[in-house]
Amino acid sequence: MALNLEQKKAIVAEVAEIAANAYSAIAAEYRGLTVEEMTQLRAEARNSGVYLRVVKNSLARRAIEGTEFECMTEGLTGPLVLAFSQEDPGSAARVIKDFAKDHEKLEVRLVSISGKLLEPGEIGTLAKMPTYDEAISMLMAVMKAPVEKLARTMNEVPGKLVRTVAAIKDAKEAA
């Protein structure tokens, strides 16, 4: 079914709005996947806060024009599904990478983050990026470590005194 001009404009506006607020984008070739597999991929993406859309390449080019994902323009050829991370930079990469493990027909073609086009093989690096909550917990652990060390050091002085007095007491009792 062909799209009329208004429908095309609506799709371009929707994808452009998502791309403007996204952290990273991935384009993967989905040729050979069944409808059930694509539905499963969409469900996983929705649960992970990833915007997933199959868009005509000409419309996708117009949508990402002027965004930090403009570097993907030349690679938009063939049947592609676009995935935009909306919650954290690695969420789209995790969804696509995990799905591609079980479905060889899903082939990553383009990976982009912060206006840079990465090699498709670098999707693993992007997928390993921590989520927002993981990053906060790592930061808190780093901030808490010096305070804990100071507290342990300060506690060691009276502890050493108590052990010394106990050792002297034991030595006097033994004598």
N, C-alpha and C. Protein backbone atom coordinates (compact mmCIF):
# COMPACT_ATOMS: atom_id res chain seq x y z
N MET A 1 0.85 -1.17 0.00
CA MET A 1 0.00 0.00 0.00
C MET A 1 0.90 1.24 0.00
N ALA A 2 0.67 2.11 -0.94
CA ALA A 2 1.49 3.32 -1.08
C ALA A 2 1.05 4.36 -0.06
N LEU A 3 2.00 5.11 0.41
CA LEU A 3 1.71 6.17 1.37
C LEU A 3 1.48 7.48 0.63
N ASN A 4 0.53 8.26 1.12
CA ASN A 4 0.34 9.58 0.52
C ASN A 4 1.30 10.56 1.18
N LEU A 5 1.36 11.76 0.67
CA LEU A 5 2.32 12.76 1.13
C LEU A 5 2.16 13.08 2.61
N GLU A 6 0.95 13.17 3.09
CA GLU A 6 0.71 13.50 4.51
C GLU A 6 1.21 12.38 5.42
N GLN A 7 0.99 11.14 5.03
CA GLN A 7 1.48 10.02 5.82
C GLN A 7 3.00 10.00 5.85
N LYS A 8 3.62 10.29 4.72
CA LYS A 8 5.09 10.34 4.67
C LYS A 8 5.63 11.44 5.57
N LYS A 9 4.98 12.61 5.53
CA LYS A 9 5.41 13.70 6.39
C LYS A 9 5.27 13.34 7.86
N ALA A 10 4.20 12.64 8.21
CA ALA A 10 3.98 12.23 9.60
C ALA A 10 5.07 11.25 10.06
N ILE A 11 5.42 10.31 9.19
CA ILE A 11 6.47 9.33 9.53
C ILE A 11 7.81 10.03 9.71
N VAL A 12 8.14 10.93 8.79
CA VAL A 12 9.41 11.67 8.87
C VAL A 12 9.45 12.49 10.15
N ALA A 13 8.35 13.16 10.48
CA ALA A 13 8.32 13.98 11.70
C ALA A 13 8.47 13.13 12.95
N GLU A 14 7.82 11.97 12.98
CA GLU A 14 7.90 11.08 14.14
C GLU A 14 9.33 10.56 14.34
N VAL A 15 9.92 10.07 13.27
CA VAL A 15 11.29 9.51 13.35
C VAL A 15 12.29 10.63 13.66
N ALA A 16 12.09 11.81 13.09
CA ALA A 16 13.00 12.93 13.35
C ALA A 16 12.95 13.34 14.81
N GLU A 17 11.76 13.34 15.40
CA GLU A 17 11.62 13.70 16.82
C GLU A 17 12.32 12.68 17.71
N ILE A 18 12.15 11.41 17.39
CA ILE A 18 12.82 10.35 18.17
C ILE A 18 14.33 10.46 18.00
N ALA A 19 14.80 10.66 16.77
CA ALA A 19 16.24 10.75 16.51
C ALA A 19 16.86 11.95 17.21
N ALA A 20 16.13 13.03 17.32
CA ALA A 20 16.67 14.23 17.96
C ALA A 20 16.92 14.01 19.45
N ASN A 21 16.17 13.12 20.08
CA ASN A 21 16.30 12.88 21.51
C ASN A 21 17.00 11.57 21.85
N ALA A 22 17.40 10.81 20.85
CA ALA A 22 18.00 9.49 21.09
C ALA A 22 19.48 9.60 21.43
N TYR A 23 19.98 8.59 22.15
CA TYR A 23 21.40 8.54 22.53
C TYR A 23 22.23 7.83 21.46
N SER A 24 21.69 6.78 20.88
CA SER A 24 22.41 6.03 19.84
C SER A 24 21.40 5.45 18.87
N ALA A 25 21.89 5.05 17.70
CA ALA A 25 21.03 4.47 16.68
C ALA A 25 21.73 3.29 16.03
N ILE A 26 20.92 2.30 15.66
CA ILE A 26 21.44 1.11 14.99
C ILE A 26 20.52 0.80 13.82
N ALA A 27 21.10 0.49 12.69
CA ALA A 27 20.33 0.04 11.52
C ALA A 27 20.76 -1.39 11.23
N ALA A 28 19.78 -2.27 11.16
CA ALA A 28 20.06 -3.69 10.92
C ALA A 28 19.21 -4.20 9.77
N GLU A 29 19.80 -5.05 8.96
CA GLU A 29 19.07 -5.65 7.85
C GLU A 29 18.27 -6.82 8.39
N TYR A 30 16.98 -6.82 8.10
CA TYR A 30 16.09 -7.83 8.65
C TYR A 30 15.61 -8.83 7.59
N ARG A 31 16.21 -8.82 6.42
CA ARG A 31 15.78 -9.70 5.34
C ARG A 31 15.83 -11.16 5.79
N GLY A 32 14.70 -11.87 5.63
CA GLY A 32 14.65 -13.29 5.98
C GLY A 32 13.99 -13.56 7.31
N LEU A 33 13.72 -12.53 8.11
CA LEU A 33 13.02 -12.75 9.39
C LEU A 33 11.53 -12.90 9.14
N THR A 34 10.91 -13.76 9.93
CA THR A 34 9.47 -13.95 9.80
C THR A 34 8.73 -12.85 10.54
N VAL A 35 7.43 -12.77 10.32
CA VAL A 35 6.60 -11.78 11.00
C VAL A 35 6.63 -12.02 12.51
N GLU A 36 6.60 -13.28 12.92
CA GLU A 36 6.64 -13.60 14.35
C GLU A 36 7.94 -13.15 14.98
N GLU A 37 9.04 -13.35 14.26
CA GLU A 37 10.35 -12.92 14.78
C GLU A 37 10.43 -11.41 14.89
N MET A 38 9.90 -10.70 13.90
CA MET A 38 9.89 -9.23 13.96
C MET A 38 9.00 -8.74 15.11
N THR A 39 7.89 -9.42 15.33
CA THR A 39 7.01 -9.06 16.44
C THR A 39 7.72 -9.28 17.77
N GLN A 40 8.46 -10.36 17.87
CA GLN A 40 9.24 -10.64 19.08
C GLN A 40 10.31 -9.57 19.29
N LEU A 41 10.99 -9.17 18.22
CA LEU A 41 12.01 -8.12 18.31
C LEU A 41 11.38 -6.80 18.76
N ARG A 42 10.22 -6.47 18.20
CA ARG A 42 9.53 -5.24 18.59
C ARG A 42 9.15 -5.26 20.07
N ALA A 43 8.68 -6.41 20.55
CA ALA A 43 8.30 -6.53 21.97
C ALA A 43 9.50 -6.35 22.88
N GLU A 44 10.63 -6.98 22.52
CA GLU A 44 11.85 -6.83 23.32
C GLU A 44 12.32 -5.38 23.32
N ALA A 45 12.22 -4.72 22.18
CA ALA A 45 12.63 -3.32 22.07
C ALA A 45 11.74 -2.44 22.94
N ARG A 46 10.45 -2.66 22.88
CA ARG A 46 9.50 -1.87 23.67
C ARG A 46 9.79 -2.02 25.16
N ASN A 47 10.09 -3.25 25.60
CA ASN A 47 10.38 -3.50 27.02
C ASN A 47 11.68 -2.86 27.47
N SER A 48 12.58 -2.58 26.54
CA SER A 48 13.89 -2.01 26.88
C SER A 48 13.97 -0.51 26.63
N GLY A 49 12.88 0.11 26.25
CA GLY A 49 12.89 1.55 25.99
C GLY A 49 13.58 1.91 24.70
N VAL A 50 13.45 1.06 23.69
CA VAL A 50 14.07 1.28 22.40
C VAL A 50 12.97 1.51 21.37
N TYR A 51 13.13 2.57 20.58
CA TYR A 51 12.19 2.86 19.49
C TYR A 51 12.65 2.08 18.28
N LEU A 52 11.81 1.19 17.78
CA LEU A 52 12.15 0.33 16.65
C LEU A 52 11.16 0.60 15.53
N ARG A 53 11.68 0.84 14.32
CA ARG A 53 10.78 1.18 13.22
C ARG A 53 11.39 0.76 11.90
N VAL A 54 10.57 0.17 11.03
CA VAL A 54 10.96 -0.09 9.66
C VAL A 54 10.45 1.09 8.85
N VAL A 55 11.37 1.82 8.22
CA VAL A 55 11.03 3.03 7.47
C VAL A 55 11.71 2.94 6.12
N LYS A 56 11.04 3.46 5.11
CA LYS A 56 11.67 3.55 3.79
C LYS A 56 12.96 4.36 3.94
N ASN A 57 13.98 3.94 3.23
CA ASN A 57 15.28 4.60 3.37
C ASN A 57 15.24 6.07 2.99
N SER A 58 14.47 6.42 1.98
CA SER A 58 14.38 7.84 1.58
C SER A 58 13.75 8.66 2.69
N LEU A 59 12.75 8.12 3.37
CA LEU A 59 12.12 8.82 4.49
C LEU A 59 13.06 8.88 5.70
N ALA A 60 13.81 7.79 5.92
CA ALA A 60 14.77 7.76 7.03
C ALA A 60 15.86 8.81 6.82
N ARG A 61 16.31 8.96 5.59
CA ARG A 61 17.34 9.98 5.30
C ARG A 61 16.84 11.37 5.65
N ARG A 62 15.61 11.66 5.27
CA ARG A 62 15.02 12.96 5.58
C ARG A 62 14.85 13.14 7.09
N ALA A 63 14.48 12.06 7.77
CA ALA A 63 14.22 12.15 9.21
C ALA A 63 15.50 12.40 10.01
N ILE A 64 16.60 11.77 9.62
CA ILE A 64 17.83 11.93 10.41
C ILE A 64 18.66 13.12 9.95
N GLU A 65 18.20 13.80 8.92
CA GLU A 65 18.88 15.01 8.44
C GLU A 65 18.85 16.07 9.53
N GLY A 66 20.01 16.60 9.86
CA GLY A 66 20.09 17.63 10.89
C GLY A 66 20.23 17.09 12.30
N THR A 67 20.28 15.77 12.47
CA THR A 67 20.49 15.18 13.79
C THR A 67 21.91 14.65 13.86
N GLU A 68 22.29 14.15 15.01
CA GLU A 68 23.65 13.61 15.15
C GLU A 68 23.81 12.26 14.45
N PHE A 69 22.72 11.72 13.92
CA PHE A 69 22.79 10.44 13.21
C PHE A 69 22.84 10.63 11.69
N GLU A 70 23.11 11.85 11.27
CA GLU A 70 23.20 12.16 9.84
C GLU A 70 24.34 11.38 9.18
N CYS A 71 25.30 10.94 9.97
CA CYS A 71 26.43 10.18 9.45
C CYS A 71 25.99 8.82 8.89
N MET A 72 24.78 8.39 9.21
CA MET A 72 24.28 7.09 8.76
C MET A 72 23.65 7.18 7.36
N THR A 73 23.49 8.36 6.82
CA THR A 73 22.73 8.58 5.59
C THR A 73 23.20 7.70 4.43
N GLU A 74 24.50 7.65 4.19
CA GLU A 74 25.02 6.90 3.04
C GLU A 74 24.79 5.40 3.17
N GLY A 75 24.73 4.88 4.37
CA GLY A 75 24.58 3.45 4.57
C GLY A 75 23.15 2.95 4.57
N LEU A 76 22.21 3.83 4.42
CA LEU A 76 20.80 3.44 4.44
C LEU A 76 20.39 2.88 3.08
N THR A 77 20.67 1.61 2.88
CA THR A 77 20.30 0.91 1.65
C THR A 77 19.78 -0.47 2.02
N GLY A 78 18.83 -0.94 1.29
CA GLY A 78 18.26 -2.26 1.54
C GLY A 78 17.22 -2.22 2.63
N PRO A 79 16.63 -3.37 2.93
CA PRO A 79 15.59 -3.41 3.96
C PRO A 79 16.21 -3.29 5.36
N LEU A 80 15.98 -2.16 6.01
CA LEU A 80 16.59 -1.90 7.31
C LEU A 80 15.53 -1.60 8.36
N VAL A 81 15.83 -2.04 9.57
CA VAL A 81 15.03 -1.64 10.73
C VAL A 81 15.91 -0.69 11.54
N LEU A 82 15.34 0.43 11.95
CA LEU A 82 16.09 1.42 12.74
C LEU A 82 15.73 1.26 14.21
N ALA A 83 16.74 1.27 15.05
CA ALA A 83 16.54 1.17 16.50
C ALA A 83 17.22 2.37 17.14
N PHE A 84 16.46 3.13 17.92
CA PHE A 84 16.99 4.31 18.60
C PHE A 84 16.92 4.08 20.11
N SER A 85 18.04 4.28 20.81
CA SER A 85 18.09 4.17 22.27
C SER A 85 17.53 5.44 22.87
N GLN A 86 16.53 5.29 23.71
CA GLN A 86 15.91 6.45 24.31
C GLN A 86 16.23 6.60 25.79
N GLU A 87 16.61 5.51 26.46
CA GLU A 87 16.87 5.57 27.90
C GLU A 87 18.36 5.65 28.22
N ASP A 88 19.16 4.84 27.57
CA ASP A 88 20.61 4.88 27.77
C ASP A 88 21.29 4.49 26.45
N PRO A 89 22.54 4.88 26.26
CA PRO A 89 23.20 4.66 24.97
C PRO A 89 23.30 3.20 24.52
N GLY A 90 23.36 2.27 25.43
CA GLY A 90 23.56 0.88 25.05
C GLY A 90 22.32 0.04 24.90
N SER A 91 21.14 0.59 25.17
CA SER A 91 19.93 -0.25 25.18
C SER A 91 19.60 -0.82 23.80
N ALA A 92 19.68 -0.03 22.75
CA ALA A 92 19.38 -0.54 21.40
C ALA A 92 20.41 -1.60 21.00
N ALA A 93 21.66 -1.36 21.33
CA ALA A 93 22.72 -2.32 21.00
C ALA A 93 22.49 -3.65 21.72
N ARG A 94 22.08 -3.58 23.00
CA ARG A 94 21.81 -4.82 23.74
C ARG A 94 20.65 -5.60 23.12
N VAL A 95 19.59 -4.90 22.76
CA VAL A 95 18.42 -5.57 22.18
C VAL A 95 18.78 -6.23 20.85
N ILE A 96 19.42 -5.47 19.96
CA ILE A 96 19.76 -6.00 18.63
C ILE A 96 20.79 -7.12 18.75
N LYS A 97 21.79 -6.94 19.60
CA LYS A 97 22.84 -7.96 19.74
C LYS A 97 22.27 -9.25 20.31
N ASP A 98 21.44 -9.15 21.34
CA ASP A 98 20.85 -10.34 21.94
C ASP A 98 19.92 -11.06 20.95
N PHE A 99 19.16 -10.29 20.18
CA PHE A 99 18.26 -10.89 19.21
C PHE A 99 19.04 -11.54 18.07
N ALA A 100 20.13 -10.92 17.66
CA ALA A 100 20.94 -11.45 16.55
C ALA A 100 21.65 -12.75 16.92
N LYS A 101 21.87 -12.99 18.23
CA LYS A 101 22.49 -14.25 18.65
C LYS A 101 21.64 -15.44 18.23
N ASP A 102 20.33 -15.31 18.38
CA ASP A 102 19.42 -16.40 18.07
C ASP A 102 18.91 -16.36 16.63
N HIS A 103 19.06 -15.24 15.96
CA HIS A 103 18.54 -15.07 14.60
C HIS A 103 19.65 -14.53 13.70
N GLU A 104 20.31 -15.44 12.99
CA GLU A 104 21.46 -15.06 12.15
C GLU A 104 21.07 -14.12 11.02
N LYS A 105 19.79 -14.11 10.64
CA LYS A 105 19.37 -13.29 9.50
C LYS A 105 19.33 -11.81 9.84
N LEU A 106 19.32 -11.46 11.10
CA LEU A 106 19.37 -10.05 11.50
C LEU A 106 20.83 -9.62 11.50
N GLU A 107 21.19 -8.77 10.56
CA GLU A 107 22.59 -8.37 10.38
C GLU A 107 22.74 -6.88 10.65
N VAL A 108 23.59 -6.54 11.59
CA VAL A 108 23.84 -5.14 11.93
C VAL A 108 24.63 -4.50 10.79
N ARG A 109 24.12 -3.37 10.31
CA ARG A 109 24.78 -2.68 9.20
C ARG A 109 25.40 -1.36 9.64
N LEU A 110 24.69 -0.59 10.49
CA LEU A 110 25.17 0.73 10.90
C LEU A 110 25.01 0.89 12.41
N VAL A 111 26.02 1.47 13.04
CA VAL A 111 25.97 1.78 14.46
C VAL A 111 26.46 3.21 14.62
N SER A 112 25.68 4.03 15.32
CA SER A 112 26.06 5.44 15.49
C SER A 112 25.77 5.88 16.92
N ILE A 113 26.72 6.64 17.47
CA ILE A 113 26.54 7.23 18.79
C ILE A 113 27.25 8.59 18.78
N SER A 114 26.59 9.57 19.29
CA SER A 114 27.15 10.93 19.40
C SER A 114 27.72 11.46 18.09
N GLY A 115 27.04 11.22 17.00
CA GLY A 115 27.47 11.75 15.71
C GLY A 115 28.61 11.00 15.06
N LYS A 116 29.01 9.88 15.62
CA LYS A 116 30.10 9.09 15.05
C LYS A 116 29.55 7.76 14.55
N LEU A 117 29.98 7.39 13.36
CA LEU A 117 29.59 6.11 12.78
C LEU A 117 30.63 5.07 13.20
N LEU A 118 30.18 4.02 13.87
CA LEU A 118 31.07 2.96 14.32
C LEU A 118 30.98 1.78 13.37
N GLU A 119 31.96 0.90 13.46
CA GLU A 119 31.92 -0.33 12.68
C GLU A 119 30.82 -1.23 13.25
N PRO A 120 30.14 -2.01 12.42
CA PRO A 120 29.09 -2.90 12.93
C PRO A 120 29.59 -3.89 14.00
N GLY A 121 30.86 -4.25 13.94
CA GLY A 121 31.43 -5.16 14.93
C GLY A 121 31.56 -4.53 16.31
N GLU A 122 31.47 -3.21 16.38
CA GLU A 122 31.61 -2.53 17.66
C GLU A 122 30.30 -2.45 18.44
N ILE A 123 29.29 -3.15 17.97
CA ILE A 123 28.01 -3.15 18.67
C ILE A 123 28.17 -3.77 20.05
N GLY A 124 29.09 -4.72 20.19
CA GLY A 124 29.35 -5.35 21.49
C GLY A 124 29.86 -4.35 22.51
N THR A 125 30.73 -3.45 22.07
CA THR A 125 31.27 -2.41 22.95
C THR A 125 30.16 -1.49 23.42
N LEU A 126 29.30 -1.11 22.50
CA LEU A 126 28.18 -0.23 22.83
C LEU A 126 27.19 -0.95 23.75
N ALA A 127 26.99 -2.25 23.52
CA ALA A 127 26.05 -3.02 24.34
C ALA A 127 26.55 -3.18 25.77
N LYS A 128 27.87 -3.13 25.97
CA LYS A 128 28.44 -3.29 27.31
C LYS A 128 28.38 -2.02 28.14
N MET A 129 27.98 -0.91 27.52
CA MET A 129 27.88 0.34 28.28
C MET A 129 26.86 0.18 29.40
N PRO A 130 27.15 0.73 30.56
CA PRO A 130 26.21 0.55 31.68
C PRO A 130 24.93 1.34 31.49
N THR A 131 23.87 0.84 32.11
CA THR A 131 22.61 1.58 32.11
C THR A 131 22.76 2.76 33.07
N TYR A 132 21.77 3.60 33.11
CA TYR A 132 21.82 4.77 34.00
C TYR A 132 21.98 4.34 35.45
N ASP A 133 21.18 3.36 35.88
CA ASP A 133 21.25 2.89 37.27
C ASP A 133 22.61 2.26 37.59
N GLU A 134 23.15 1.48 36.64
CA GLU A 134 24.46 0.87 36.85
C GLU A 134 25.55 1.95 36.96
N ALA A 135 25.47 2.96 36.12
CA ALA A 135 26.46 4.04 36.16
C ALA A 135 26.40 4.80 37.48
N ILE A 136 25.19 5.06 37.97
CA ILE A 136 25.04 5.74 39.26
C ILE A 136 25.61 4.88 40.39
N SER A 137 25.34 3.57 40.36
CA SER A 137 25.86 2.71 41.43
C SER A 137 27.39 2.65 41.39
N MET A 138 27.98 2.63 40.18
CA MET A 138 29.44 2.64 40.07
C MET A 138 30.01 3.95 40.63
N LEU A 139 29.37 5.05 40.30
CA LEU A 139 29.82 6.35 40.78
C LEU A 139 29.73 6.42 42.30
N MET A 140 28.64 5.92 42.85
CA MET A 140 28.47 5.95 44.30
C MET A 140 29.52 5.06 44.99
N ALA A 141 29.83 3.93 44.39
CA ALA A 141 30.86 3.05 44.96
C ALA A 141 32.21 3.74 44.98
N VAL A 142 32.52 4.46 43.91
CA VAL A 142 33.80 5.18 43.84
C VAL A 142 33.83 6.31 44.86
N MET A 143 32.71 6.99 45.03
CA MET A 143 32.66 8.09 45.98
C MET A 143 32.69 7.60 47.43
N LYS A 144 32.15 6.42 47.68
CA LYS A 144 32.05 5.88 49.04
C LYS A 144 33.37 5.26 49.50
N ALA A 145 34.20 4.78 48.59
CA ALA A 145 35.42 4.07 48.95
C ALA A 145 36.38 4.89 49.82
N PRO A 146 36.70 6.14 49.51
CA PRO A 146 37.63 6.89 50.36
C PRO A 146 37.09 7.11 51.79
N VAL A 147 35.80 7.33 51.90
CA VAL A 147 35.20 7.53 53.22
C VAL A 147 35.29 6.25 54.05
N GLU A 148 35.00 5.11 53.41
CA GLU A 148 35.12 3.84 54.12
C GLU A 148 36.56 3.58 54.56
N LYS A 149 37.52 3.88 53.69
CA LYS A 149 38.92 3.66 54.01
C LYS A 149 39.34 4.55 55.18
N LEU A 150 38.89 5.80 55.17
CA LEU A 150 39.20 6.71 56.27
C LEU A 150 38.61 6.19 57.58
N ALA A 151 37.38 5.72 57.54
CA ALA A 151 36.73 5.20 58.74
C ALA A 151 37.48 3.98 59.27
N ARG A 152 37.89 3.07 58.37
CA ARG A 152 38.64 1.88 58.80
C ARG A 152 39.98 2.29 59.41
N THR A 153 40.65 3.28 58.81
CA THR A 153 41.95 3.74 59.31
C THR A 153 41.80 4.37 60.69
N MET A 154 40.77 5.20 60.84
CA MET A 154 40.53 5.86 62.13
C MET A 154 40.17 4.82 63.21
N ASN A 155 39.47 3.79 62.84
CA ASN A 155 39.07 2.74 63.78
C ASN A 155 40.25 1.86 64.15
N GLU A 156 41.25 1.82 63.31
CA GLU A 156 42.41 0.96 63.56
C GLU A 156 43.24 1.45 64.75
N VAL A 157 43.31 2.76 64.99
CA VAL A 157 44.12 3.30 66.09
C VAL A 157 43.63 2.77 67.44
N PRO A 158 42.35 2.94 67.81
CA PRO A 158 41.93 2.38 69.10
C PRO A 158 41.96 0.85 69.11
N GLY A 159 41.72 0.23 67.95
CA GLY A 159 41.78 -1.23 67.88
C GLY A 159 43.17 -1.74 68.18
N LYS A 160 44.17 -1.06 67.66
CA LYS A 160 45.56 -1.46 67.90
C LYS A 160 45.92 -1.27 69.38
N LEU A 161 45.44 -0.17 69.97
CA LEU A 161 45.68 0.08 71.39
C LEU A 161 45.07 -1.04 72.24
N VAL A 162 43.85 -1.43 71.93
CA VAL A 162 43.17 -2.50 72.69
C VAL A 162 43.94 -3.80 72.53
N ARG A 163 44.40 -4.12 71.34
CA ARG A 163 45.15 -5.37 71.14
C ARG A 163 46.48 -5.33 71.89
N THR A 164 47.14 -4.16 71.94
CA THR A 164 48.41 -4.03 72.66
C THR A 164 48.19 -4.22 74.16
N VAL A 165 47.16 -3.58 74.70
CA VAL A 165 46.87 -3.72 76.13
C VAL A 165 46.51 -5.16 76.45
N ALA A 166 45.77 -5.82 75.59
CA ALA A 166 45.40 -7.24 75.81
C ALA A 166 46.63 -8.12 75.76
N ALA A 167 47.58 -7.82 74.88
CA ALA A 167 48.79 -8.60 74.79
C ALA A 167 49.65 -8.42 76.04
N ILE A 168 49.72 -7.17 76.55
CA ILE A 168 50.49 -6.92 77.78
C ILE A 168 49.84 -7.65 78.94
N LYS A 169 48.52 -7.62 79.04
CA LYS A 169 47.78 -8.29 80.12
C LYS A 169 48.04 -9.79 80.05
N ASP A 170 47.98 -10.37 78.83
CA ASP A 170 48.24 -11.80 78.69
C ASP A 170 49.67 -12.15 79.07
N ALA A 171 50.62 -11.26 78.74
CA ALA A 171 52.04 -11.51 79.08
C ALA A 171 52.23 -11.46 80.58
N LYS A 172 51.56 -10.52 81.27
CA LYS A 172 51.73 -10.41 82.72
C LYS A 172 51.07 -11.60 83.42
N GLU A 173 49.94 -12.08 82.88
CA GLU A 173 49.27 -13.23 83.50
C GLU A 173 50.08 -14.50 83.31
N ALA A 174 50.76 -14.59 82.20
CA ALA A 174 51.56 -15.77 81.92
C ALA A 174 52.84 -15.78 82.76
N ALA A 175 53.28 -14.64 83.21
CA ALA A 175 54.54 -14.57 83.97
C ALA A 175 54.36 -14.81 85.43
